[in-house]
């Protein structure tokens, strides 16, 4: 059975590289974004609450957190 992997920060260097690498393997890859309409992209902002139902509905097995919010001023 394929593992469901959620990767935050997929638009960055580390997260983007990880998505490319893991996409070569037999995995279901989901990513996070603040403004995407793709069904495999979980839409959220690190500075706000997330939808817990996403994790249940997609049955996320692994979360790899590569995102960083640098808007701290």
Protein backbone atom coordinates (compact mmCIF):
# COMPACT_ATOMS: atom_id res chain seq x y z
CA UNK A 1 0.00 0.00 0.00
CA UNK A 2 1.29 3.47 -0.90
CA UNK A 3 2.18 5.79 1.96
CA UNK A 4 0.57 9.23 1.99
CA UNK A 5 3.21 11.91 2.57
CA UNK A 6 2.47 15.59 3.27
CA UNK A 7 5.37 17.99 2.67
CA UNK A 8 5.16 21.59 3.82
CA UNK A 9 7.39 24.21 2.23
CA UNK A 10 7.33 22.54 -1.18
CA UNK A 11 7.92 25.85 -2.98
CA UNK A 12 11.26 26.26 -1.21
CA UNK A 13 14.60 24.69 -2.10
CA UNK A 14 14.58 21.86 0.44
CA UNK A 15 10.87 21.02 0.21
CA UNK A 16 10.86 21.25 -3.60
CA UNK A 17 13.88 18.97 -3.89
CA UNK A 18 12.29 16.50 -1.51
CA UNK A 19 9.05 16.44 -3.54
CA UNK A 20 11.01 15.73 -6.74
CA UNK A 21 13.00 12.93 -5.07
CA UNK A 22 10.05 11.26 -3.34
CA UNK A 23 7.93 11.49 -6.51
CA UNK A 24 10.29 8.94 -8.06
CA UNK A 25 9.15 6.37 -5.50
CA UNK A 26 5.84 4.59 -4.99
CA UNK A 27 4.31 7.24 -2.70
CA UNK A 28 1.30 9.56 -2.71
CA UNK A 29 2.76 13.05 -2.30
CA UNK A 30 0.69 15.95 -0.98
CA UNK A 31 2.08 19.43 -0.51
CA UNK A 32 0.98 22.58 1.27
CA UNK A 33 0.48 26.04 -0.16
CA UNK A 34 -1.15 29.29 0.78
CA UNK A 35 -2.84 29.74 -2.61
CA UNK A 36 -3.18 26.61 -4.75
CA UNK A 37 -6.31 25.02 -6.20
CA UNK A 38 -4.66 21.63 -6.90
CA UNK A 39 -6.53 18.77 -5.17
CA UNK A 40 -3.24 17.29 -3.88
CA UNK A 41 -2.20 20.60 -2.34
CA UNK A 42 -3.39 21.26 1.18
CA UNK A 43 -4.15 24.97 1.36
CA UNK A 44 -3.10 26.68 4.57
CA UNK A 45 -0.99 29.42 6.02
CA UNK A 46 1.45 28.52 8.80
CA UNK A 47 0.26 31.54 10.74
CA UNK A 48 -3.37 30.35 10.89
CA UNK A 49 -5.22 27.26 12.09
CA UNK A 50 -5.28 24.25 9.78
CA UNK A 51 -8.13 21.94 8.86
CA UNK A 52 -7.68 18.76 10.90
CA UNK A 53 -10.14 16.98 8.62
CA UNK A 54 -7.57 17.07 5.81
CA UNK A 55 -5.28 14.70 7.70
CA UNK A 56 -8.14 12.31 8.36
CA UNK A 57 -9.63 12.45 4.86
CA UNK A 58 -6.27 11.91 3.09
CA UNK A 59 -5.04 9.47 5.75
CA UNK A 60 -1.66 11.17 5.99
CA UNK A 61 0.97 8.68 7.18
CA UNK A 62 3.97 11.02 7.32
CA UNK A 63 4.32 14.79 7.65
CA UNK A 64 7.63 16.33 6.59
CA UNK A 65 7.80 19.95 7.71
CA UNK A 66 10.13 22.10 5.57
CA UNK A 67 8.16 25.37 5.70
CA UNK A 68 9.23 28.50 7.47
CA UNK A 69 7.31 31.69 8.00
CA UNK A 70 9.73 34.60 7.84
CA UNK A 71 7.09 37.31 8.21
CA UNK A 72 7.78 37.83 11.90
CA UNK A 73 8.11 41.63 12.10
